Amino acid sequence: MNEELKYEEALAQLETIVRKMESNEFDIDELAVQLKTAQRLITFCKDKLTKTEAEIQKIQAEQDSSL
C-alpha cells in the first residue's frame, strides 16, 4: 500500500469498491482482485487510525504531565 496515500483517499477507494460490489459491477475474476484490494485498504485505514489515536494519547499525556 502506498504510504503517501491519505486516509480519506483510501476510504473513498474502499467505498467505491463496496458500491460496485453491491451493484454487481464486477465479474467473478475482478471481484477476487477487488476483494484483495479492499482488504489492503481496510488494513491501511485501521493502521492509520491506530497510529493517530496513539499520537493523540501521547500528546494528551504530555500536556497532562506539564500541568
PDB file of N, CA and C in Angstrom:
ATOM      1  N   MET A   1       0.855  -1.175   0.000  1.00  0.00           N
ATOM      2  CA  MET A   1       0.000   0.000   0.000  1.00  0.00           C
ATOM      3  C   MET A   1       0.898   1.233   0.000  1.00  0.00           C
ATOM      4  N   ASN A   2       0.536   2.203  -0.779  1.00  0.00           N
ATOM      5  CA  ASN A   2       1.300   3.439  -0.920  1.00  0.00           C
ATOM      6  C   ASN A   2       1.254   4.231   0.380  1.00  0.00           C
ATOM      7  N   GLU A   3       2.411   4.476   0.975  1.00  0.00           N
ATOM      8  CA  GLU A   3       2.475   5.216   2.239  1.00  0.00           C
ATOM      9  C   GLU A   3       2.065   6.679   2.070  1.00  0.00           C
ATOM     10  N   GLU A   4       2.081   7.192   0.833  1.00  0.00           N
ATOM     11  CA  GLU A   4       1.667   8.569   0.580  1.00  0.00           C
ATOM     12  C   GLU A   4       0.145   8.677   0.508  1.00  0.00           C
ATOM     13  N   LEU A   5      -0.531   7.551   0.457  1.00  0.00           N
ATOM     14  CA  LEU A   5      -1.985   7.527   0.390  1.00  0.00           C
ATOM     15  C   LEU A   5      -2.555   8.112   1.673  1.00  0.00           C
ATOM     16  N   LYS A   6      -3.526   8.977   1.530  1.00  0.00           N
ATOM     17  CA  LYS A   6      -4.168   9.579   2.685  1.00  0.00           C
ATOM     18  C   LYS A   6      -5.362   8.728   3.100  1.00  0.00           C
ATOM     19  N   TYR A   7      -5.703   8.807   4.373  1.00  0.00           N
ATOM     20  CA  TYR A   7      -6.813   8.025   4.913  1.00  0.00           C
ATOM     21  C   TYR A   7      -8.093   8.266   4.112  1.00  0.00           C
ATOM     22  N   GLU A   8      -8.390   9.533   3.838  1.00  0.00           N
ATOM     23  CA  GLU A   8      -9.616   9.874   3.126  1.00  0.00           C
ATOM     24  C   GLU A   8      -9.634   9.268   1.726  1.00  0.00           C
ATOM     25  N   GLU A   9      -8.483   9.223   1.067  1.00  0.00           N
ATOM     26  CA  GLU A   9      -8.395   8.626  -0.270  1.00  0.00           C
ATOM     27  C   GLU A   9      -8.631   7.116  -0.201  1.00  0.00           C
ATOM     28  N   ALA A  10      -8.025   6.484   0.793  1.00  0.00           N
ATOM     29  CA  ALA A  10      -8.195   5.043   0.950  1.00  0.00           C
ATOM     30  C   ALA A  10      -9.651   4.718   1.247  1.00  0.00           C
ATOM     31  N   LEU A  11     -10.271   5.497   2.100  1.00  0.00           N
ATOM     32  CA  LEU A  11     -11.670   5.277   2.449  1.00  0.00           C
ATOM     33  C   LEU A  11     -12.566   5.471   1.225  1.00  0.00           C
ATOM     34  N   ALA A  12     -12.277   6.482   0.412  1.00  0.00           N
ATOM     35  CA  ALA A  12     -13.056   6.715  -0.806  1.00  0.00           C
ATOM     36  C   ALA A  12     -12.913   5.539  -1.772  1.00  0.00           C
ATOM     37  N   GLN A  13     -11.699   5.025  -1.910  1.00  0.00           N
ATOM     38  CA  GLN A  13     -11.488   3.861  -2.783  1.00  0.00           C
ATOM     39  C   GLN A  13     -12.270   2.657  -2.266  1.00  0.00           C
ATOM     40  N   LEU A  14     -12.237   2.464  -0.970  1.00  0.00           N
ATOM     41  CA  LEU A  14     -12.953   1.355  -0.347  1.00  0.00           C
ATOM     42  C   LEU A  14     -14.465   1.499  -0.569  1.00  0.00           C
ATOM     43  N   GLU A  15     -14.975   2.704  -0.392  1.00  0.00           N
ATOM     44  CA  GLU A  15     -16.403   2.950  -0.609  1.00  0.00           C
ATOM     45  C   GLU A  15     -16.795   2.669  -2.065  1.00  0.00           C
ATOM     46  N   THR A  16     -15.937   3.026  -3.008  1.00  0.00           N
ATOM     47  CA  THR A  16     -16.209   2.759  -4.419  1.00  0.00           C
ATOM     48  C   THR A  16     -16.273   1.262  -4.686  1.00  0.00           C
ATOM     49  N   ILE A  17     -15.329   0.530  -4.127  1.00  0.00           N
ATOM     50  CA  ILE A  17     -15.313  -0.930  -4.304  1.00  0.00           C
ATOM     51  C   ILE A  17     -16.590  -1.540  -3.738  1.00  0.00           C
ATOM     52  N   VAL A  18     -16.973  -1.122  -2.536  1.00  0.00           N
ATOM     53  CA  VAL A  18     -18.174  -1.669  -1.902  1.00  0.00           C
ATOM     54  C   VAL A  18     -19.407  -1.343  -2.745  1.00  0.00           C
ATOM     55  N   ARG A  19     -19.521  -0.116  -3.207  1.00  0.00           N
ATOM     56  CA  ARG A  19     -20.671   0.283  -4.026  1.00  0.00           C
ATOM     57  C   ARG A  19     -20.766  -0.575  -5.283  1.00  0.00           C
ATOM     58  N   LYS A  20     -19.617  -0.792  -5.937  1.00  0.00           N
ATOM     59  CA  LYS A  20     -19.605  -1.597  -7.162  1.00  0.00           C
ATOM     60  C   LYS A  20     -19.917  -3.062  -6.871  1.00  0.00           C
ATOM     61  N   MET A  21     -19.460  -3.558  -5.721  1.00  0.00           N
ATOM     62  CA  MET A  21     -19.788  -4.937  -5.345  1.00  0.00           C
ATOM     63  C   MET A  21     -21.290  -5.074  -5.113  1.00  0.00           C
ATOM     64  N   GLU A  22     -21.857  -4.096  -4.416  1.00  0.00           N
ATOM     65  CA  GLU A  22     -23.283  -4.147  -4.110  1.00  0.00           C
ATOM     66  C   GLU A  22     -24.150  -4.078  -5.361  1.00  0.00           C
ATOM     67  N   SER A  23     -23.648  -3.401  -6.390  1.00  0.00           N
ATOM     68  CA  SER A  23     -24.426  -3.283  -7.628  1.00  0.00           C
ATOM     69  C   SER A  23     -23.985  -4.307  -8.677  1.00  0.00           C
ATOM     70  N   ASN A  24     -23.180  -5.287  -8.243  1.00  0.00           N
ATOM     71  CA  ASN A  24     -22.738  -6.384  -9.124  1.00  0.00           C
ATOM     72  C   ASN A  24     -22.030  -5.907 -10.394  1.00  0.00           C
ATOM     73  N   GLU A  25     -21.161  -4.911 -10.246  1.00  0.00           N
ATOM     74  CA  GLU A  25     -20.446  -4.370 -11.395  1.00  0.00           C
ATOM     75  C   GLU A  25     -19.173  -5.152 -11.736  1.00  0.00           C
ATOM     76  N   PHE A  26     -18.762  -6.073 -10.881  1.00  0.00           N
ATOM     77  CA  PHE A  26     -17.542  -6.840 -11.115  1.00  0.00           C
ATOM     78  C   PHE A  26     -17.880  -8.241 -11.578  1.00  0.00           C
ATOM     79  N   ASP A  27     -17.107  -8.733 -12.556  1.00  0.00           N
ATOM     80  CA  ASP A  27     -17.240 -10.156 -12.886  1.00  0.00           C
ATOM     81  C   ASP A  27     -16.475 -10.937 -11.823  1.00  0.00           C
ATOM     82  N   ILE A  28     -16.572 -12.223 -11.853  1.00  0.00           N
ATOM     83  CA  ILE A  28     -16.011 -13.057 -10.779  1.00  0.00           C
ATOM     84  C   ILE A  28     -14.498 -12.892 -10.638  1.00  0.00           C
ATOM     85  N   ASP A  29     -13.785 -12.742 -11.753  1.00  0.00           N
ATOM     86  CA  ASP A  29     -12.333 -12.567 -11.683  1.00  0.00           C
ATOM     87  C   ASP A  29     -11.970 -11.214 -11.085  1.00  0.00           C
ATOM     88  N   GLU A  30     -12.667 -10.180 -11.501  1.00  0.00           N
ATOM     89  CA  GLU A  30     -12.404  -8.842 -10.976  1.00  0.00           C
ATOM     90  C   GLU A  30     -12.825  -8.752  -9.515  1.00  0.00           C
ATOM     91  N   LEU A  31     -13.856  -9.458  -9.144  1.00  0.00           N
ATOM     92  CA  LEU A  31     -14.325  -9.460  -7.762  1.00  0.00           C
ATOM     93  C   LEU A  31     -13.226  -9.944  -6.823  1.00  0.00           C
ATOM     94  N   ALA A  32     -12.537 -11.007  -7.205  1.00  0.00           N
ATOM     95  CA  ALA A  32     -11.446 -11.538  -6.376  1.00  0.00           C
ATOM     96  C   ALA A  32     -10.343 -10.504  -6.204  1.00  0.00           C
ATOM     97  N   VAL A  33      -9.984  -9.832  -7.284  1.00  0.00           N
ATOM     98  CA  VAL A  33      -8.947  -8.795  -7.229  1.00  0.00           C
ATOM     99  C   VAL A  33      -9.391  -7.645  -6.330  1.00  0.00           C
ATOM    100  N   GLN A  34     -10.637  -7.225  -6.499  1.00  0.00           N
ATOM    101  CA  GLN A  34     -11.144  -6.093  -5.723  1.00  0.00           C
ATOM    102  C   GLN A  34     -11.292  -6.438  -4.236  1.00  0.00           C
ATOM    103  N   LEU A  35     -11.608  -7.675  -3.937  1.00  0.00           N
ATOM    104  CA  LEU A  35     -11.668  -8.097  -2.531  1.00  0.00           C
ATOM    105  C   LEU A  35     -10.296  -7.996  -1.871  1.00  0.00           C
ATOM    106  N   LYS A  36      -9.270  -8.384  -2.585  1.00  0.00           N
ATOM    107  CA  LYS A  36      -7.900  -8.275  -2.051  1.00  0.00           C
ATOM    108  C   LYS A  36      -7.525  -6.812  -1.855  1.00  0.00           C
ATOM    109  N   THR A  37      -7.891  -5.973  -2.817  1.00  0.00           N
ATOM    110  CA  THR A  37      -7.618  -4.543  -2.704  1.00  0.00           C
ATOM    111  C   THR A  37      -8.362  -3.964  -1.505  1.00  0.00           C
ATOM    112  N   ALA A  38      -9.625  -4.338  -1.348  1.00  0.00           N
ATOM    113  CA  ALA A  38     -10.419  -3.856  -0.218  1.00  0.00           C
ATOM    114  C   ALA A  38      -9.797  -4.277   1.106  1.00  0.00           C
ATOM    115  N   GLN A  39      -9.306  -5.499   1.165  1.00  0.00           N
ATOM    116  CA  GLN A  39      -8.676  -5.988   2.394  1.00  0.00           C
ATOM    117  C   GLN A  39      -7.442  -5.145   2.730  1.00  0.00           C
ATOM    118  N   ARG A  40      -6.629  -4.825   1.730  1.00  0.00           N
ATOM    119  CA  ARG A  40      -5.444  -3.987   1.965  1.00  0.00           C
ATOM    120  C   ARG A  40      -5.853  -2.577   2.405  1.00  0.00           C
ATOM    121  N   LEU A  41      -6.905  -2.035   1.798  1.00  0.00           N
ATOM    122  CA  LEU A  41      -7.371  -0.698   2.169  1.00  0.00           C
ATOM    123  C   LEU A  41      -7.901  -0.678   3.606  1.00  0.00           C
ATOM    124  N   ILE A  42      -8.622  -1.716   3.991  1.00  0.00           N
ATOM    125  CA  ILE A  42      -9.138  -1.803   5.359  1.00  0.00           C
ATOM    126  C   ILE A  42      -7.977  -1.855   6.354  1.00  0.00           C
ATOM    127  N   THR A  43      -6.982  -2.659   6.069  1.00  0.00           N
ATOM    128  CA  THR A  43      -5.806  -2.752   6.948  1.00  0.00           C
ATOM    129  C   THR A  43      -5.097  -1.404   7.036  1.00  0.00           C
ATOM    130  N   PHE A  44      -4.923  -0.739   5.895  1.00  0.00           N
ATOM    131  CA  PHE A  44      -4.283   0.573   5.857  1.00  0.00           C
ATOM    132  C   PHE A  44      -5.053   1.560   6.736  1.00  0.00           C
ATOM    133  N   CYS A  45      -6.387   1.610   6.585  1.00  0.00           N
ATOM    134  CA  CYS A  45      -7.210   2.544   7.351  1.00  0.00           C
ATOM    135  C   CYS A  45      -7.141   2.245   8.845  1.00  0.00           C
ATOM    136  N   LYS A  46      -7.211   0.977   9.212  1.00  0.00           N
ATOM    137  CA  LYS A  46      -7.117   0.596  10.630  1.00  0.00           C
ATOM    138  C   LYS A  46      -5.776   1.017  11.215  1.00  0.00           C
ATOM    139  N   ASP A  47      -4.704   0.756  10.478  1.00  0.00           N
ATOM    140  CA  ASP A  47      -3.363   1.126  10.954  1.00  0.00           C
ATOM    141  C   ASP A  47      -3.249   2.640  11.117  1.00  0.00           C
ATOM    142  N   LYS A  48      -3.785   3.373  10.164  1.00  0.00           N
ATOM    143  CA  LYS A  48      -3.723   4.833  10.215  1.00  0.00           C
ATOM    144  C   LYS A  48      -4.482   5.347  11.436  1.00  0.00           C
ATOM    145  N   LEU A  49      -5.663   4.793  11.691  1.00  0.00           N
ATOM    146  CA  LEU A  49      -6.448   5.211  12.848  1.00  0.00           C
ATOM    147  C   LEU A  49      -5.741   4.861  14.161  1.00  0.00           C
ATOM    148  N   THR A  50      -5.151   3.681  14.221  1.00  0.00           N
ATOM    149  CA  THR A  50      -4.436   3.255  15.427  1.00  0.00           C
ATOM    150  C   THR A  50      -3.243   4.174  15.709  1.00  0.00           C
ATOM    151  N   LYS A  51      -2.478   4.493  14.668  1.00  0.00           N
ATOM    152  CA  LYS A  51      -1.318   5.381  14.841  1.00  0.00           C
ATOM    153  C   LYS A  51      -1.757   6.777  15.262  1.00  0.00           C
ATOM    154  N   THR A  52      -2.821   7.274  14.660  1.00  0.00           N
ATOM    155  CA  THR A  52      -3.311   8.602  15.004  1.00  0.00           C
ATOM    156  C   THR A  52      -3.800   8.641  16.444  1.00  0.00           C
ATOM    157  N   GLU A  53      -4.519   7.608  16.863  1.00  0.00           N
ATOM    158  CA  GLU A  53      -5.002   7.536  18.239  1.00  0.00           C
ATOM    159  C   GLU A  53      -3.835   7.517  19.225  1.00  0.00           C
ATOM    160  N   ALA A  54      -2.788   6.758  18.900  1.00  0.00           N
ATOM    161  CA  ALA A  54      -1.607   6.690  19.769  1.00  0.00           C
ATOM    162  C   ALA A  54      -0.926   8.057  19.864  1.00  0.00           C
ATOM    163  N   GLU A  55      -0.848   8.767  18.748  1.00  0.00           N
ATOM    164  CA  GLU A  55      -0.231  10.099  18.755  1.00  0.00           C
ATOM    165  C   GLU A  55      -1.037  11.071  19.609  1.00  0.00           C
ATOM    166  N   ILE A  56      -2.359  10.996  19.482  1.00  0.00           N
ATOM    167  CA  ILE A  56      -3.220  11.875  20.276  1.00  0.00           C
ATOM    168  C   ILE A  56      -3.060  11.584  21.762  1.00  0.00           C
ATOM    169  N   GLN A  57      -3.033  10.307  22.126  1.00  0.00           N
ATOM    170  CA  GLN A  57      -2.867   9.939  23.534  1.00  0.00           C
ATOM    171  C   GLN A  57      -1.516  10.415  24.064  1.00  0.00           C
ATOM    172  N   LYS A  58      -0.487  10.320  23.244  1.00  0.00           N
ATOM    173  CA  LYS A  58       0.848  10.773  23.653  1.00  0.00           C
ATOM    174  C   LYS A  58       0.837  12.280  23.896  1.00  0.00           C
ATOM    175  N   ILE A  59       0.228  13.010  22.993  1.00  0.00           N
ATOM    176  CA  ILE A  59       0.159  14.473  23.135  1.00  0.00           C
ATOM    177  C   ILE A  59      -0.630  14.841  24.385  1.00  0.00           C
ATOM    178  N   GLN A  60      -1.751  14.162  24.618  1.00  0.00           N
ATOM    179  CA  GLN A  60      -2.561  14.437  25.808  1.00  0.00           C
ATOM    180  C   GLN A  60      -1.790  14.113  27.083  1.00  0.00           C
ATOM    181  N   ALA A  61      -1.054  13.023  27.071  1.00  0.00           N
ATOM    182  CA  ALA A  61      -0.263  12.633  28.243  1.00  0.00           C
ATOM    183  C   ALA A  61       0.835  13.667  28.502  1.00  0.00           C
ATOM    184  N   GLU A  62       1.460  14.163  27.462  1.00  0.00           N
ATOM    185  CA  GLU A  62       2.490  15.183  27.609  1.00  0.00           C
ATOM    186  C   GLU A  62       1.903  16.467  28.163  1.00  0.00           C
ATOM    187  N   GLN A  63       0.722  16.829  27.691  1.00  0.00           N
ATOM    188  CA  GLN A  63       0.076  18.043  28.191  1.00  0.00           C
ATOM    189  C   GLN A  63      -0.344  17.881  29.658  1.00  0.00           C
ATOM    190  N   ASP A  64      -0.857  16.710  30.004  1.00  0.00           N
ATOM    191  CA  ASP A  64      -1.273  16.456  31.378  1.00  0.00           C
ATOM    192  C   ASP A  64      -0.081  16.479  32.333  1.00  0.00           C
ATOM    193  N   SER A  65       1.049  15.959  31.890  1.00  0.00           N
ATOM    194  CA  SER A  65       2.226  15.910  32.763  1.00  0.00           C
ATOM    195  C   SER A  65       2.874  17.281  32.907  1.00  0.00           C
ATOM    196  N   SER A  66       2.608  18.201  31.995  1.00  0.00           N
ATOM    197  CA  SER A  66       3.216  19.528  32.086  1.00  0.00           C
ATOM    198  C   SER A  66       2.355  20.479  32.923  1.00  0.00           C
ATOM    199  N   LEU A  67       1.175  20.030  33.326  1.00  0.00           N
ATOM    200  CA  LEU A  67       0.303  20.886  34.159  1.00  0.00           C
ATOM    201  C   LEU A  67       0.619  20.793  35.610  1.00  0.00           C
TER     202      LEU A  67
END
